[in-house]
Amino acid sequence: MAIIDSVRWAPQGDETIYAWRYPETNLSTYTQLIVAESQEAVLFSKGRIIAKFGPGKHTLNTENIPILRSLYGLPFGGKNPFTAEVWFVNKLQPCNIEWTASSMSIHDVDYNTQLPLKVSGQYGLKVVDAEKFLIKIVGTKSQFTEYDLTEHFAGEFNTKSKSAIVQYMMNNRIGYKQISAFLDTISEYLKGVMSAFWNEYGLSLLKFYVTSIDIDDSTIEGRRIKDAISRQSSMSITGHTWQQEQIFDTANNAIGNLGSGNVGLLGGLLAMNMMSNMGGGMSSRMMQPQYNQPTFGGNQNQGSASGMSGPQPTMGGHAEKMVYCSNCAKKFPSTMKFCPHCGDPYNPCPHCGTDNDLNAKRCISCGAPLQSTESFCPYCNAPLTPGSSFCGNCGKQVITSDTCSRCGATFPPNAKFCPRCGNKRS
């Protein structure tokens, strides 16, 4: 067999190769070994390491490899053949190894339930001990690539990384909603945990990044949870509740089946009844828990009875509002004097327009007084001084047995209390 005069390795392509074995073993004491920068060459013979060489050009003679004399009995000088395996180890620092860990279950502190999570990121490794790396990892392969490395340690790597992430999140009470803010600190924590793991195999962990932690939607349960979280976020933004969404879905389905005979007609009637009753009674409080009584003092965005948004002008120049009846809690326009649903008189607050009971002394919405304690002359309507018997404006007597001493209203026959302010007749 021919003797190899020169041995070298020039990697080709974009694939990351950590170790490569020269295909020929027929060497001699004249063979030239060329080691490039960022490489290290290791010679094996008869199952043991006989020499290591760094970057440069080396002659494989007995001066560089004294052990050849004891292994093969080679004399000094001359071209003496021998057999050995030459391994080249790549000592570059690739930092683009991608990793993922899925099916990681954790009891989340934000949602108070089990969430299936998946994690992804990148890391970089460098060979720092070529002997340990070749002996513990490479074995009988002719080359060892990045794929071989990740596949070889996939199980152990995933177990350690998932365990470390779950422990960190639980110990620091980090929930799913805040997890994105802690990716950097989690990355540093994992790097410390995983460094010892790689050092055992002659590798140094240079970089370690966690780029995302998300819901694992590879299973049906995960997809349901992810959809539920998405719906909750949507409801939080739009301001509606789960009950509202269910009622709207039922109504939409019923309206969509209007053409399906009696079932569709019944569903349509149910939908229209639900939609028409959304503003009244207990259903109003369930469907619109975040809305208060409309006010008359500022800009309003609630629709009128016709469904148009914003205040609607009336013939009197006042803005028409939708108010809630103080008796039946159903909506009606503020231009009406009586509730169209129950017939109760509309007693508006002069400040905010809220309908109040006729006997209410203060507005249930804004607290403004509804019954004035100031009395007026029944003849000229001038304000009266409390306790006065005669009007200071017209001079007429204002306190009689038929006149209320508080507000000046005339008592009806046989009335014991004032019909205007409720004052007891003297």
Protein backbone atom coordinates (compact mmCIF):
# COMPACT_ATOMS: atom_id res chain seq x y z
CA MET A 1 0.00 0.00 0.00
CA ALA A 2 1.17 3.51 -0.83
CA ILE A 3 2.67 5.63 1.90
CA ILE A 4 0.91 8.97 2.50
CA ASP A 5 3.32 11.88 2.20
CA SER A 6 0.95 14.69 3.28
CA VAL A 7 -2.06 14.75 5.60
CA ARG A 8 -4.45 17.70 5.92
CA TRP A 9 -8.15 18.59 6.29
CA ALA A 10 -9.93 21.38 4.41
CA PRO A 11 -13.65 21.36 5.37
CA GLN A 12 -16.09 21.85 2.51
CA GLY A 13 -19.69 23.13 2.59
CA ASP A 14 -21.69 24.89 5.30
CA GLU A 15 -22.20 21.92 7.60
CA THR A 16 -20.52 22.22 11.00
CA ILE A 17 -18.16 19.25 11.54
CA TYR A 18 -16.60 18.95 14.98
CA ALA A 19 -14.25 16.04 14.23
CA TRP A 20 -13.04 14.30 11.03
CA ARG A 21 -10.87 11.23 10.58
CA TYR A 22 -8.33 11.11 7.75
CA PRO A 23 -9.30 8.09 5.57
CA GLU A 24 -5.76 6.62 5.20
CA THR A 25 -3.59 5.11 7.97
CA ASN A 26 -0.36 4.33 6.04
CA LEU A 27 2.05 6.93 7.33
CA SER A 28 5.82 7.22 7.58
CA THR A 29 8.44 9.24 9.39
CA TYR A 30 8.55 11.49 6.30
CA THR A 31 4.79 12.24 6.29
CA GLN A 32 3.93 15.94 6.60
CA LEU A 33 0.96 16.83 8.85
CA ILE A 34 -0.58 20.22 8.08
CA VAL A 35 -2.94 21.60 10.73
CA ALA A 36 -4.91 24.76 9.93
CA GLU A 37 -5.82 27.54 12.33
CA SER A 38 -8.74 26.66 14.67
CA GLN A 39 -7.81 22.96 14.27
CA GLU A 40 -6.06 20.37 16.39
CA ALA A 41 -4.75 16.97 15.17
CA VAL A 42 -4.75 13.86 17.36
CA LEU A 43 -2.96 10.62 16.39
CA PHE A 44 -4.22 7.21 17.54
CA SER A 45 -2.21 4.03 17.18
CA LYS A 46 -2.92 0.59 18.62
CA GLY A 47 -5.92 1.96 20.54
CA ARG A 48 -4.13 4.80 22.29
CA ILE A 49 -3.32 8.46 21.72
CA ILE A 50 0.31 8.83 20.68
CA ALA A 51 0.52 12.57 19.87
CA LYS A 52 -1.33 15.89 19.53
CA PHE A 53 -0.44 18.76 17.18
CA GLY A 54 -1.64 22.36 17.01
CA PRO A 55 -1.76 24.69 13.98
CA GLY A 56 1.30 24.44 11.70
CA LYS A 57 3.31 21.96 9.57
CA HIS A 58 4.69 18.91 11.36
CA THR A 59 6.84 15.92 10.32
CA LEU A 60 5.74 12.64 11.86
CA ASN A 61 9.21 11.39 12.77
CA THR A 62 10.56 9.88 15.94
CA GLU A 63 11.70 13.26 17.16
CA ASN A 64 8.14 14.60 17.18
CA ILE A 65 6.67 11.27 18.22
CA PRO A 66 9.21 9.48 20.45
CA ILE A 67 6.72 6.78 21.34
CA LEU A 68 7.05 5.40 17.80
CA ARG A 69 10.33 3.75 18.81
CA SER A 70 8.71 1.78 21.62
CA LEU A 71 5.60 0.92 19.61
CA TYR A 72 7.26 -0.03 16.30
CA GLY A 73 10.98 -0.13 17.07
CA LEU A 74 11.71 2.53 14.49
CA PRO A 75 15.35 3.68 14.27
CA PHE A 76 16.50 7.25 13.87
CA GLY A 77 16.68 8.54 10.31
CA GLY A 78 15.35 7.02 7.11
CA LYS A 79 11.83 6.62 5.83
CA ASN A 80 10.15 4.25 8.26
CA PRO A 81 6.49 3.31 7.70
CA PHE A 82 3.91 2.92 10.47
CA THR A 83 0.11 2.94 10.81
CA ALA A 84 -1.96 5.49 12.76
CA GLU A 85 -5.31 7.22 12.64
CA VAL A 86 -5.24 10.99 12.29
CA TRP A 87 -8.21 12.89 13.72
CA PHE A 88 -8.75 16.58 13.03
CA VAL A 89 -10.80 18.45 15.64
CA ASN A 90 -12.56 21.70 14.68
CA LYS A 91 -12.13 24.29 17.46
CA LEU A 92 -14.25 27.05 15.94
CA GLN A 93 -17.02 28.64 17.98
CA PRO A 94 -20.37 28.07 16.20
CA CYS A 95 -23.20 29.77 18.10
CA ASN A 96 -26.19 28.85 15.94
CA ILE A 97 -27.22 25.43 17.20
CA GLU A 98 -31.00 25.48 17.49
CA TRP A 99 -32.83 23.60 20.23
CA THR A 100 -36.45 23.01 21.24
CA ALA A 101 -38.22 21.41 24.17
CA SER A 102 -41.94 20.62 24.02
CA SER A 103 -44.60 18.94 26.20
CA MET A 104 -43.38 20.84 29.23
CA SER A 105 -46.26 21.01 31.73
CA ILE A 106 -46.29 23.63 34.48
CA HIS A 107 -48.88 24.92 36.96
CA ASP A 108 -49.18 28.54 35.89
CA VAL A 109 -49.62 31.20 38.58
CA ASP A 110 -51.48 33.59 36.23
CA TYR A 111 -54.23 31.22 35.10
CA ASN A 112 -54.04 28.85 38.10
CA THR A 113 -54.05 25.77 35.88
CA GLN A 114 -51.68 23.39 34.09
CA LEU A 115 -50.27 24.82 30.88
CA PRO A 116 -48.35 22.80 28.25
CA LEU A 117 -45.36 24.89 27.16
CA LYS A 118 -42.75 24.65 24.43
CA VAL A 119 -39.37 26.35 24.50
CA SER A 120 -36.98 27.20 21.68
CA GLY A 121 -33.60 28.88 21.48
CA GLN A 122 -29.98 28.71 20.30
CA TYR A 123 -26.61 27.89 21.84
CA GLY A 124 -22.97 27.61 20.83
CA LEU A 125 -20.31 25.01 21.69
CA LYS A 126 -16.53 24.91 21.35
CA VAL A 127 -14.22 21.91 21.74
CA VAL A 128 -11.71 22.76 24.49
CA ASP A 129 -10.38 19.26 25.25
CA ALA A 130 -9.88 17.32 22.02
CA GLU A 131 -8.77 14.09 23.76
CA LYS A 132 -11.81 13.94 26.06
CA PHE A 133 -14.14 14.85 23.20
CA LEU A 134 -12.82 12.13 20.87
CA ILE A 135 -12.74 9.41 23.51
CA LYS A 136 -16.15 10.08 25.13
CA ILE A 137 -18.23 11.11 22.15
CA VAL A 138 -16.85 10.30 18.72
CA GLY A 139 -16.04 6.60 19.09
CA THR A 140 -15.82 4.67 15.84
CA LYS A 141 -17.42 7.25 13.54
CA SER A 142 -15.44 8.67 10.63
CA GLN A 143 -16.75 12.18 11.38
CA PHE A 144 -18.86 13.91 14.02
CA THR A 145 -21.22 16.69 12.88
CA GLU A 146 -23.50 19.16 14.60
CA TYR A 147 -26.45 16.87 13.81
CA ASP A 148 -24.67 13.93 15.46
CA LEU A 149 -24.01 16.08 18.51
CA THR A 150 -27.62 17.24 18.97
CA GLU A 151 -29.04 13.78 18.31
CA HIS A 152 -26.59 12.12 20.70
CA PHE A 153 -27.62 14.35 23.61
CA ALA A 154 -31.27 15.09 22.70
CA GLY A 155 -32.87 13.11 25.51
CA GLU A 156 -30.58 14.21 28.32
CA PHE A 157 -30.45 17.80 27.08
CA ASN A 158 -34.26 18.12 26.94
CA THR A 159 -34.70 16.60 30.39
CA LYS A 160 -32.21 18.95 32.02
CA SER A 161 -33.41 22.07 30.21
CA LYS A 162 -37.13 21.47 30.91
CA SER A 163 -36.47 20.66 34.56
CA ALA A 164 -34.39 23.82 35.00
CA ILE A 165 -37.00 26.07 33.33
CA VAL A 166 -39.90 24.69 35.39
CA GLN A 167 -37.92 25.06 38.62
CA TYR A 168 -36.97 28.64 37.79
CA MET A 169 -40.55 29.66 36.94
CA MET A 170 -42.00 28.01 40.05
CA ASN A 171 -39.36 29.32 42.46
CA ASN A 172 -39.74 32.88 41.14
CA ARG A 173 -43.53 32.65 40.60
CA ILE A 174 -43.31 33.72 36.98
CA GLY A 175 -46.56 33.27 35.06
CA TYR A 176 -47.19 32.84 31.37
CA LYS A 177 -48.30 36.46 30.96
CA GLN A 178 -44.93 37.80 32.16
CA ILE A 179 -42.61 35.11 30.81
CA SER A 180 -41.37 37.19 27.84
CA ALA A 181 -39.87 39.74 30.23
CA PHE A 182 -37.67 37.04 31.84
CA LEU A 183 -36.18 35.36 28.76
CA ASP A 184 -32.77 36.95 29.36
CA THR A 185 -32.54 35.92 33.03
CA ILE A 186 -33.81 32.42 32.23
CA SER A 187 -31.14 32.13 29.53
CA GLU A 188 -28.39 33.03 32.00
CA TYR A 189 -29.77 30.60 34.57
CA LEU A 190 -29.90 27.74 32.04
CA LYS A 191 -26.39 28.48 30.82
CA GLY A 192 -25.08 27.99 34.34
CA VAL A 193 -26.98 24.71 34.71
CA MET A 194 -25.98 23.29 31.31
CA SER A 195 -22.30 24.32 31.33
CA ALA A 196 -21.30 21.52 33.71
CA PHE A 197 -23.14 19.04 31.48
CA TRP A 198 -21.05 19.94 28.40
CA ASN A 199 -17.75 20.29 30.28
CA GLU A 200 -17.88 16.57 31.03
CA TYR A 201 -17.44 15.87 27.30
CA GLY A 202 -14.61 18.33 26.60
CA LEU A 203 -16.94 21.06 25.33
CA SER A 204 -17.47 24.63 26.51
CA LEU A 205 -20.90 26.27 26.36
CA LEU A 206 -20.19 29.75 24.99
CA LYS A 207 -23.68 31.10 24.39
CA PHE A 208 -27.12 29.98 25.46
CA TYR A 209 -30.35 31.76 24.50
CA VAL A 210 -34.02 31.11 25.18
CA THR A 211 -35.78 32.90 22.34
CA SER A 212 -39.40 31.99 23.07
CA ILE A 213 -41.65 30.20 25.56
CA ASP A 214 -45.16 29.60 24.24
CA ILE A 215 -48.17 27.30 24.55
CA ASP A 216 -47.46 23.89 23.04
CA ASP A 217 -50.23 23.55 20.45
CA SER A 218 -49.06 20.21 19.05
CA THR A 219 -51.87 18.47 20.98
CA ILE A 220 -55.64 18.97 21.04
CA GLU A 221 -55.51 20.06 24.68
CA GLY A 222 -52.79 22.59 23.92
CA ARG A 223 -54.77 24.06 21.03
CA ARG A 224 -57.86 24.40 23.24
CA ILE A 225 -55.88 26.20 25.94
CA LYS A 226 -54.25 28.53 23.42
CA ASP A 227 -57.65 29.35 21.90
CA ALA A 228 -59.12 29.99 25.37
CA ILE A 229 -56.31 32.41 26.24
CA SER A 230 -56.78 34.18 22.91
CA ARG A 231 -60.53 34.53 23.53
CA GLN A 232 -59.94 35.84 27.04
CA SER A 233 -57.55 38.48 25.70
CA SER A 234 -60.08 39.48 23.05
CA MET A 235 -62.86 39.85 25.64
CA SER A 236 -60.56 41.91 27.86
CA ILE A 237 -59.82 44.31 24.99
CA THR A 238 -63.40 44.67 23.71
CA GLY A 239 -64.97 44.79 27.19
CA HIS A 240 -67.55 42.03 26.71
CA THR A 241 -68.05 39.03 28.98
CA TRP A 242 -68.21 35.28 28.42
CA GLN A 243 -71.98 35.36 29.04
CA GLN A 244 -72.41 38.03 26.39
CA GLU A 245 -70.41 36.03 23.88
CA GLN A 246 -72.51 32.92 24.49
CA ILE A 247 -75.76 34.86 24.04
CA PHE A 248 -74.52 36.52 20.84
CA ASP A 249 -73.40 33.13 19.46
CA THR A 250 -76.79 31.61 20.28
CA ALA A 251 -78.58 34.54 18.67
CA ASN A 252 -76.43 34.40 15.53
CA ASN A 253 -76.97 30.66 15.17
CA ALA A 254 -80.72 31.09 15.61
CA ILE A 255 -80.89 33.89 13.05
CA GLY A 256 -78.88 31.77 10.62
CA ASN A 257 -81.53 29.02 10.89
CA LEU A 258 -84.54 31.26 10.19
CA GLY A 259 -85.20 29.37 6.97
CA SER A 260 -85.21 25.92 8.58
CA GLY A 261 -88.96 25.51 9.19
CA ASN A 262 -90.45 25.65 12.68
CA VAL A 263 -87.07 25.13 14.34
CA GLY A 264 -85.64 28.11 12.51
CA LEU A 265 -88.70 30.24 13.31
CA LEU A 266 -88.51 29.33 17.00
CA GLY A 267 -84.79 30.08 17.02
CA GLY A 268 -85.36 33.40 15.29
CA LEU A 269 -88.02 34.42 17.79
CA LEU A 270 -85.70 33.42 20.63
CA ALA A 271 -82.86 35.47 19.11
CA MET A 272 -85.04 38.55 18.62
CA ASN A 273 -86.39 38.25 22.16
CA MET A 274 -82.86 37.97 23.55
CA MET A 275 -81.66 40.97 21.57
CA SER A 276 -84.68 43.11 22.49
CA ASN A 277 -84.37 42.33 26.20
CA MET A 278 -80.65 42.95 26.46
CA GLY A 279 -81.23 46.44 27.83
CA GLY A 280 -83.74 45.70 30.57
CA GLY A 281 -84.09 44.18 34.02
CA MET A 282 -81.71 41.57 35.30
CA SER A 283 -80.53 40.67 31.79
CA SER A 284 -79.45 44.29 31.34
CA ARG A 285 -77.28 44.13 34.42
CA MET A 286 -75.75 40.86 33.22
CA MET A 287 -75.20 41.97 29.64
CA GLN A 288 -73.99 45.49 30.41
CA PRO A 289 -72.32 45.39 33.83
CA GLN A 290 -69.80 48.08 32.98
CA TYR A 291 -72.24 50.82 31.93
CA ASN A 292 -73.72 53.48 34.23
CA GLN A 293 -76.75 55.72 33.77
CA PRO A 294 -76.20 58.26 30.97
CA THR A 295 -75.45 61.83 31.97
CA PHE A 296 -76.55 65.11 30.44
CA GLY A 297 -73.48 67.16 31.30
CA GLY A 298 -70.91 65.89 28.79
CA ASN A 299 -70.28 63.99 25.56
CA GLN A 300 -72.20 60.73 25.37
CA ASN A 301 -71.54 57.80 23.09
CA GLN A 302 -74.60 55.70 23.79
CA GLY A 303 -77.08 55.17 21.02
CA SER A 304 -80.62 56.47 20.92
CA ALA A 305 -83.77 54.43 20.52
CA SER A 306 -83.26 54.38 16.76
CA GLY A 307 -79.87 52.70 17.12
CA MET A 308 -77.83 55.74 16.03
CA SER A 309 -74.69 56.53 18.01
CA GLY A 310 -74.36 59.79 19.94
CA PRO A 311 -77.01 62.21 21.18
CA GLN A 312 -79.98 62.90 18.88
CA PRO A 313 -81.43 66.43 18.78
CA THR A 314 -85.11 66.88 19.46
CA MET A 315 -87.57 69.64 18.60
CA GLY A 316 -87.05 71.30 21.95
CA GLY A 317 -83.31 71.66 21.37
CA HIS A 318 -82.36 69.18 24.09
CA ALA A 319 -80.39 66.04 23.40
CA GLU A 320 -82.40 62.83 23.57
CA LYS A 321 -80.88 60.17 25.83
CA MET A 322 -81.73 56.61 26.71
CA VAL A 323 -82.48 56.25 30.42
CA TYR A 324 -83.37 53.33 32.68
CA CYS A 325 -86.78 53.28 34.32
CA SER A 326 -86.49 53.47 38.12
CA ASN A 327 -89.41 51.02 38.42
CA CYS A 328 -88.75 48.26 35.80
CA ALA A 329 -85.09 49.06 34.83
CA LYS A 330 -85.86 49.02 31.10
CA LYS A 331 -84.64 51.63 28.65
CA PHE A 332 -86.76 54.40 27.14
CA PRO A 333 -86.01 57.80 25.50
CA SER A 334 -85.67 60.79 27.81
CA THR A 335 -88.25 62.68 25.72
CA MET A 336 -91.05 60.51 27.08
CA LYS A 337 -92.90 61.55 30.24
CA PHE A 338 -93.80 57.99 31.16
CA CYS A 339 -92.03 54.66 30.84
CA PRO A 340 -93.49 52.84 27.78
CA HIS A 341 -92.93 49.49 29.48
CA CYS A 342 -94.61 49.98 32.88
CA GLY A 343 -96.19 53.46 32.75
CA ASP A 344 -94.17 54.87 35.66
CA PRO A 345 -93.70 58.70 35.45
CA TYR A 346 -90.31 59.93 34.34
CA ASN A 347 -88.80 61.95 37.23
CA PRO A 348 -85.45 63.19 35.82
CA CYS A 349 -82.53 64.44 37.85
CA PRO A 350 -81.89 68.08 36.86
CA HIS A 351 -78.14 67.43 36.74
CA CYS A 352 -77.66 64.03 35.05
CA GLY A 353 -81.11 63.07 33.75
CA THR A 354 -81.35 59.77 35.63
CA ASP A 355 -84.91 58.58 36.30
CA ASN A 356 -85.68 58.59 40.04
CA ASP A 357 -88.57 57.54 42.22
CA LEU A 358 -91.05 60.34 42.84
CA ASN A 359 -90.35 60.22 46.59
CA ALA A 360 -86.55 60.17 46.22
CA LYS A 361 -84.82 63.10 47.87
CA ARG A 362 -81.48 62.59 46.09
CA CYS A 363 -80.50 61.25 42.66
CA ILE A 364 -79.47 57.56 42.78
CA SER A 365 -76.76 58.22 40.18
CA CYS A 366 -75.06 61.53 41.01
CA GLY A 367 -76.51 62.26 44.50
CA ALA A 368 -77.91 65.69 43.59
CA PRO A 369 -80.86 66.86 45.76
CA LEU A 370 -84.23 66.37 44.08
CA GLN A 371 -86.55 68.11 46.58
CA SER A 372 -85.61 71.67 47.36
CA THR A 373 -85.95 72.81 50.97
CA GLU A 374 -86.35 76.41 49.81
CA SER A 375 -89.94 77.74 49.90
CA PHE A 376 -91.56 80.18 47.46
CA CYS A 377 -94.43 82.64 47.66
CA PRO A 378 -97.60 81.07 46.21
CA TYR A 379 -98.59 84.47 44.75
CA CYS A 380 -95.41 85.96 43.22
CA ASN A 381 -93.10 82.90 43.38
CA ALA A 382 -90.41 84.89 45.21
CA PRO A 383 -88.12 83.00 47.64
CA LEU A 384 -89.35 83.07 51.21
CA THR A 385 -87.24 83.49 54.34
CA PRO A 386 -87.54 80.32 56.48
CA GLY A 387 -90.19 80.87 59.21
CA SER A 388 -91.63 84.06 57.66
CA SER A 389 -95.40 84.57 57.69
CA PHE A 390 -95.54 87.20 54.93
CA CYS A 391 -93.83 87.45 51.54
CA GLY A 392 -91.03 90.00 51.49
CA ASN A 393 -91.75 90.78 47.83
CA CYS A 394 -95.53 91.19 47.61
CA GLY A 395 -96.40 91.43 51.33
CA LYS A 396 -99.12 88.81 51.24
CA GLN A 397 -99.58 86.30 54.02
CA VAL A 398 -98.03 83.00 53.00
CA ILE A 399 -98.55 80.66 55.95
CA THR A 400 -102.12 79.50 56.39
CA SER A 401 -103.69 76.27 57.29
CA ASP A 402 -104.20 75.63 53.56
CA THR A 403 -100.59 76.51 52.59
CA CYS A 404 -97.49 74.40 53.17
CA SER A 405 -95.09 76.11 55.54
CA ARG A 406 -92.09 74.60 53.77
CA CYS A 407 -92.72 75.05 50.06
CA GLY A 408 -95.87 77.23 49.96
CA ALA A 409 -97.94 74.71 47.99
CA THR A 410 -101.72 74.66 48.56
CA PHE A 411 -103.01 71.66 50.49
CA PRO A 412 -105.83 69.72 48.80
CA PRO A 413 -108.98 69.24 50.93
CA ASN A 414 -108.49 66.71 53.76
CA ALA A 415 -104.76 66.29 52.86
CA LYS A 416 -102.50 65.73 55.85
CA PHE A 417 -99.22 66.07 53.93
CA CYS A 418 -97.99 68.46 51.26
CA PRO A 419 -98.30 66.86 47.80
CA ARG A 420 -95.11 68.70 46.64
CA CYS A 421 -92.54 68.17 49.41
CA GLY A 422 -94.28 65.80 51.87
CA ASN A 423 -94.29 68.28 54.76
CA LYS A 424 -96.91 67.55 57.44
CA ARG A 425 -99.83 69.92 57.49
CA SER A 426 -99.79 72.26 60.56
